[in-house]
């Protein structure tokens, strides 16, 4: 983990309540797709964790949704503004287990963290397929970006306004070597039940410190309690224990 000052290069709305922010700064602590950063917001005590969407040199790309006061303030940031950011947080995805035909499944703002993963998998010689799920066509993001790195990109919408009507599980192919998944917990549960291979699932939890000190995001796994911010957010399929509904 490192604390760095980043300069905002751009901050633009790309879908209803969804923004894409590019930042310039020292990125050497960010080493794996699936990691996140923690952004200090002026006037607020807790930082806001945002997953890394992409990384190229000293350019960091984040995509976030406005869901509260913190992200609302973040959306008002302008080019040239500076942000205090903790970088290199979380464990990220392990690419060594992917095999030759990995499947990437994301829903909503769980889609962006899979983009850098798709790029790295292609560079490693794999041929990934991506299934991206949204509620409606207006919410679709990054489809063309994923097409640069994936053999096939499937988009599902709950209302059927674009692509396959239904959920991400309706768009999952029958044959793949491994699965990577990121999104809200109901989606993760559904993909877990539908998947037939081993895999890695990235979880969303409310975080306090973001680096494992406060224990506020701990969850029970097969191997004991783990902190989503420090030992996660990525958990292997075999260690997941789902909370009782």
Protein backbone atom coordinates (compact mmCIF):
# COMPACT_ATOMS: atom_id res chain seq x y z
CA UNK A 1 0.00 0.00 0.00
CA UNK A 2 1.18 3.49 -0.84
CA UNK A 3 -0.30 6.93 -0.35
CA UNK A 4 0.04 9.07 -3.47
CA UNK A 5 -1.27 12.31 -4.92
CA UNK A 6 -2.87 11.86 -8.34
CA UNK A 7 -3.89 14.56 -10.82
CA UNK A 8 -7.22 14.13 -12.59
CA UNK A 9 -6.82 14.05 -16.39
CA UNK A 10 -10.54 13.59 -17.08
CA UNK A 11 -13.79 12.78 -15.30
CA UNK A 12 -16.72 12.16 -17.63
CA UNK A 13 -20.16 10.60 -17.36
CA UNK A 14 -20.49 7.47 -19.51
CA UNK A 15 -23.90 6.11 -18.38
CA UNK A 16 -26.66 7.18 -15.97
CA UNK A 17 -24.88 7.97 -12.66
CA UNK A 18 -21.69 6.25 -13.91
CA UNK A 19 -18.41 8.14 -14.43
CA UNK A 20 -15.04 7.33 -15.94
CA UNK A 21 -12.05 9.02 -14.32
CA UNK A 22 -8.48 8.95 -15.60
CA UNK A 23 -5.70 9.94 -13.23
CA UNK A 24 -1.98 10.56 -13.55
CA UNK A 25 0.40 9.53 -10.78
CA UNK A 26 2.66 6.87 -9.30
CA UNK A 27 1.07 3.45 -9.90
CA UNK A 28 3.88 1.03 -9.01
CA UNK A 29 2.01 -0.34 -5.96
CA UNK A 30 -0.84 -1.57 -8.18
CA UNK A 31 0.30 -5.00 -9.33
CA UNK A 32 -2.75 -7.13 -10.21
CA UNK A 33 -6.18 -6.77 -11.84
CA UNK A 34 -8.90 -6.81 -9.20
CA UNK A 35 -7.07 -4.54 -6.77
CA UNK A 36 -8.65 -1.27 -5.67
CA UNK A 37 -7.71 2.22 -4.52
CA UNK A 38 -9.10 4.25 -1.60
CA UNK A 39 -9.81 7.91 -2.31
CA UNK A 40 -9.89 10.72 0.26
CA UNK A 41 -12.93 12.96 -0.22
CA UNK A 42 -12.73 16.47 1.21
CA UNK A 43 -15.06 16.93 4.17
CA UNK A 44 -15.68 13.21 4.72
CA UNK A 45 -13.96 10.98 7.28
CA UNK A 46 -13.88 7.68 5.41
CA UNK A 47 -12.18 7.19 2.08
CA UNK A 48 -14.10 5.70 -0.85
CA UNK A 49 -12.86 2.39 -2.31
CA UNK A 50 -12.96 2.14 -6.11
CA UNK A 51 -11.78 -0.86 -8.16
CA UNK A 52 -9.08 -0.36 -10.78
CA UNK A 53 -10.54 -0.56 -14.28
CA UNK A 54 -7.32 -0.22 -16.25
CA UNK A 55 -3.68 0.70 -15.85
CA UNK A 56 -1.15 1.86 -18.42
CA UNK A 57 2.13 3.29 -17.19
CA UNK A 58 1.29 6.15 -14.84
CA UNK A 59 -2.29 6.45 -16.12
CA UNK A 60 -4.94 4.95 -13.88
CA UNK A 61 -8.55 4.48 -15.01
CA UNK A 62 -11.44 4.20 -12.54
CA UNK A 63 -15.13 3.75 -13.24
CA UNK A 64 -17.55 4.44 -10.42
CA UNK A 65 -21.25 4.91 -9.79
CA UNK A 66 -22.72 7.79 -7.82
CA UNK A 67 -24.47 6.13 -4.88
CA UNK A 68 -23.96 8.57 -2.01
CA UNK A 69 -22.36 11.77 -0.78
CA UNK A 70 -18.79 10.64 -1.39
CA UNK A 71 -19.18 9.55 -4.98
CA UNK A 72 -21.40 12.57 -5.65
CA UNK A 73 -18.53 14.83 -4.61
CA UNK A 74 -16.11 12.74 -6.66
CA UNK A 75 -18.30 13.22 -9.74
CA UNK A 76 -17.92 16.98 -9.36
CA UNK A 77 -14.11 16.78 -9.66
CA UNK A 78 -12.54 18.47 -12.66
CA UNK A 79 -9.44 18.03 -14.82
CA UNK A 80 -6.41 19.33 -12.98
CA UNK A 81 -7.80 18.63 -9.50
CA UNK A 82 -5.65 16.49 -7.22
CA UNK A 83 -6.74 13.50 -5.14
CA UNK A 84 -5.08 11.82 -2.14
CA UNK A 85 -5.25 8.10 -2.90
CA UNK A 86 -4.13 4.88 -1.21
CA UNK A 87 -3.01 2.50 -3.96
CA UNK A 88 -2.24 -1.21 -4.24
CA UNK A 89 -5.04 -2.38 -1.95
CA UNK A 90 -6.49 -5.89 -2.02
CA UNK A 91 -5.12 -9.12 -3.43
CA UNK A 92 -6.39 -9.05 -7.02
CA UNK A 93 -6.98 -11.96 -9.40
CA UNK A 94 -4.52 -14.83 -9.87
CA UNK A 95 -4.02 -15.21 -13.63
CA UNK A 96 -1.94 -18.39 -13.35
CA UNK A 97 -5.07 -20.53 -12.89
CA UNK A 98 -6.96 -19.23 -15.93
CA UNK A 99 -6.24 -21.94 -18.47
CA UNK A 100 -6.60 -21.17 -22.17
CA UNK A 101 -10.33 -20.24 -22.32
CA UNK A 102 -11.25 -18.31 -19.16
CA UNK A 103 -14.71 -16.84 -18.66
CA UNK A 104 -15.15 -13.35 -17.22
CA UNK A 105 -18.57 -12.52 -15.76
CA UNK A 106 -19.44 -9.04 -14.52
CA UNK A 107 -22.57 -7.17 -13.56
CA UNK A 108 -23.12 -3.40 -13.47
CA UNK A 109 -20.15 -1.62 -11.89
CA UNK A 110 -18.66 -5.08 -11.32
CA UNK A 111 -17.77 -5.00 -15.03
CA UNK A 112 -14.90 -2.43 -14.95
CA UNK A 113 -12.43 -4.44 -12.77
CA UNK A 114 -12.57 -7.25 -15.35
CA UNK A 115 -11.29 -5.08 -18.21
CA UNK A 116 -7.67 -4.95 -17.06
CA UNK A 117 -7.95 -8.67 -16.31
CA UNK A 118 -9.11 -9.35 -19.88
CA UNK A 119 -6.16 -7.37 -21.24
CA UNK A 120 -3.63 -9.24 -19.09
CA UNK A 121 -5.14 -12.62 -19.94
CA UNK A 122 -4.83 -11.90 -23.65
CA UNK A 123 -1.22 -10.79 -23.20
CA UNK A 124 -0.59 -14.10 -21.40
CA UNK A 125 -1.88 -16.03 -24.41
CA UNK A 126 -5.39 -16.90 -23.22
CA UNK A 127 -8.59 -16.39 -25.22
CA UNK A 128 -11.14 -15.04 -22.72
CA UNK A 129 -14.89 -14.74 -23.15
CA UNK A 130 -16.75 -11.98 -21.29
CA UNK A 131 -20.38 -11.95 -20.18
CA UNK A 132 -21.48 -8.47 -19.12
CA UNK A 133 -24.81 -7.95 -17.40
CA UNK A 134 -26.89 -4.78 -17.03
CA UNK A 135 -30.49 -3.86 -16.22
CA UNK A 136 -31.12 -1.98 -19.45
CA UNK A 137 -29.36 -0.81 -22.63
CA UNK A 138 -28.77 2.69 -21.21
CA UNK A 139 -26.49 1.23 -18.52
CA UNK A 140 -24.14 -0.69 -20.84
CA UNK A 141 -20.48 0.27 -20.48
CA UNK A 142 -17.16 -0.96 -21.91
CA UNK A 143 -18.57 -3.44 -24.44
CA UNK A 144 -16.27 -2.22 -27.21
CA UNK A 145 -13.29 -2.17 -24.84
CA UNK A 146 -13.78 -5.81 -23.94
CA UNK A 147 -13.98 -6.71 -27.64
CA UNK A 148 -10.33 -5.63 -27.97
CA UNK A 149 -9.21 -8.42 -25.64
CA UNK A 150 -11.87 -11.14 -25.72
CA UNK A 151 -12.69 -13.81 -28.28
CA UNK A 152 -16.37 -13.29 -27.56
CA UNK A 153 -18.35 -10.65 -25.64
CA UNK A 154 -21.93 -11.42 -24.57
CA UNK A 155 -24.17 -8.69 -23.16
CA UNK A 156 -27.32 -9.43 -21.18
CA UNK A 157 -30.01 -6.96 -20.08
CA UNK A 158 -32.75 -7.72 -17.60
CA UNK A 159 -35.38 -5.90 -19.69
CA UNK A 160 -34.21 -7.34 -23.01
CA UNK A 161 -33.48 -3.91 -24.52
CA UNK A 162 -30.07 -5.12 -25.76
CA UNK A 163 -28.38 -8.47 -26.23
CA UNK A 164 -29.75 -11.51 -24.40
CA UNK A 165 -32.79 -10.89 -22.23
CA UNK A 166 -32.14 -12.08 -18.71
CA UNK A 167 -29.23 -12.33 -16.29
CA UNK A 168 -25.54 -13.08 -16.76
CA UNK A 169 -26.21 -16.75 -16.08
CA UNK A 170 -28.37 -16.78 -19.23
CA UNK A 171 -25.36 -15.69 -21.27
CA UNK A 172 -22.74 -18.06 -19.86
CA UNK A 173 -21.31 -20.51 -22.42
CA UNK A 174 -21.19 -24.24 -21.78
CA UNK A 175 -17.43 -24.63 -22.24
CA UNK A 176 -14.66 -22.66 -20.52
CA UNK A 177 -11.50 -23.41 -18.55
CA UNK A 178 -11.94 -21.18 -15.48
CA UNK A 179 -14.22 -18.39 -14.25
CA UNK A 180 -13.58 -14.89 -12.91
CA UNK A 181 -16.52 -12.94 -11.52
CA UNK A 182 -17.27 -9.50 -10.08
CA UNK A 183 -20.57 -7.89 -9.14
CA UNK A 184 -23.27 -7.65 -6.48
CA UNK A 185 -23.64 -10.61 -4.13
CA UNK A 186 -26.92 -11.97 -5.60
CA UNK A 187 -25.20 -12.19 -8.98
CA UNK A 188 -22.12 -13.82 -7.46
CA UNK A 189 -24.33 -16.45 -5.82
CA UNK A 190 -26.10 -17.18 -9.09
CA UNK A 191 -22.85 -17.49 -11.06
CA UNK A 192 -21.35 -19.66 -8.31
CA UNK A 193 -24.29 -22.05 -8.63
CA UNK A 194 -24.18 -22.09 -12.42
CA UNK A 195 -20.41 -22.42 -12.88
CA UNK A 196 -18.88 -25.82 -13.52
CA UNK A 197 -15.19 -24.99 -13.04
CA UNK A 198 -13.04 -23.53 -10.33
CA UNK A 199 -12.85 -19.77 -10.21
CA UNK A 200 -12.33 -16.50 -8.36
CA UNK A 201 -15.06 -14.15 -7.13
CA UNK A 202 -14.56 -10.51 -6.18
CA UNK A 203 -16.77 -9.32 -3.32
CA UNK A 204 -18.17 -5.92 -2.41
CA UNK A 205 -18.30 -5.05 1.30
CA UNK A 206 -18.61 -1.85 3.28
CA UNK A 207 -15.08 -0.86 4.32
CA UNK A 208 -13.73 1.37 7.03
CA UNK A 209 -9.97 1.69 6.72
CA UNK A 210 -9.55 -0.24 3.45
CA UNK A 211 -6.28 -1.93 4.46
CA UNK A 212 -7.19 -4.49 7.13
CA UNK A 213 -6.79 -2.60 10.40
CA UNK A 214 -10.41 -2.06 11.48
CA UNK A 215 -11.69 -5.61 10.71
CA UNK A 216 -15.02 -4.09 9.65
CA UNK A 217 -15.26 -6.02 6.39
CA UNK A 218 -14.44 -9.49 7.76
CA UNK A 219 -16.35 -12.46 6.40
CA UNK A 220 -16.31 -16.16 7.23
CA UNK A 221 -14.73 -18.56 4.74
CA UNK A 222 -13.87 -22.27 4.71
CA UNK A 223 -10.40 -21.38 6.01
CA UNK A 224 -11.59 -18.93 8.69
CA UNK A 225 -12.42 -15.24 8.76
CA UNK A 226 -10.91 -13.03 6.06
CA UNK A 227 -10.87 -9.27 5.61
CA UNK A 228 -12.32 -8.40 2.21
CA UNK A 229 -10.13 -5.29 1.94
CA UNK A 230 -6.87 -7.06 2.82
CA UNK A 231 -7.27 -10.81 2.17
CA UNK A 232 -9.76 -10.14 -0.65
CA UNK A 233 -11.67 -8.72 -2.36
CA UNK A 234 -11.00 -11.81 -4.50
CA UNK A 235 -11.82 -15.19 -2.96
CA UNK A 236 -11.39 -18.59 -4.59
CA UNK A 237 -14.60 -20.46 -5.29
CA UNK A 238 -13.63 -23.34 -3.01
CA UNK A 239 -13.28 -21.15 0.09
CA UNK A 240 -16.53 -19.21 -0.16
CA UNK A 241 -19.19 -19.64 2.53
CA UNK A 242 -22.42 -17.88 1.61
CA UNK A 243 -24.31 -16.03 4.33
CA UNK A 244 -27.65 -17.55 5.25
CA UNK A 245 -30.54 -15.60 3.78
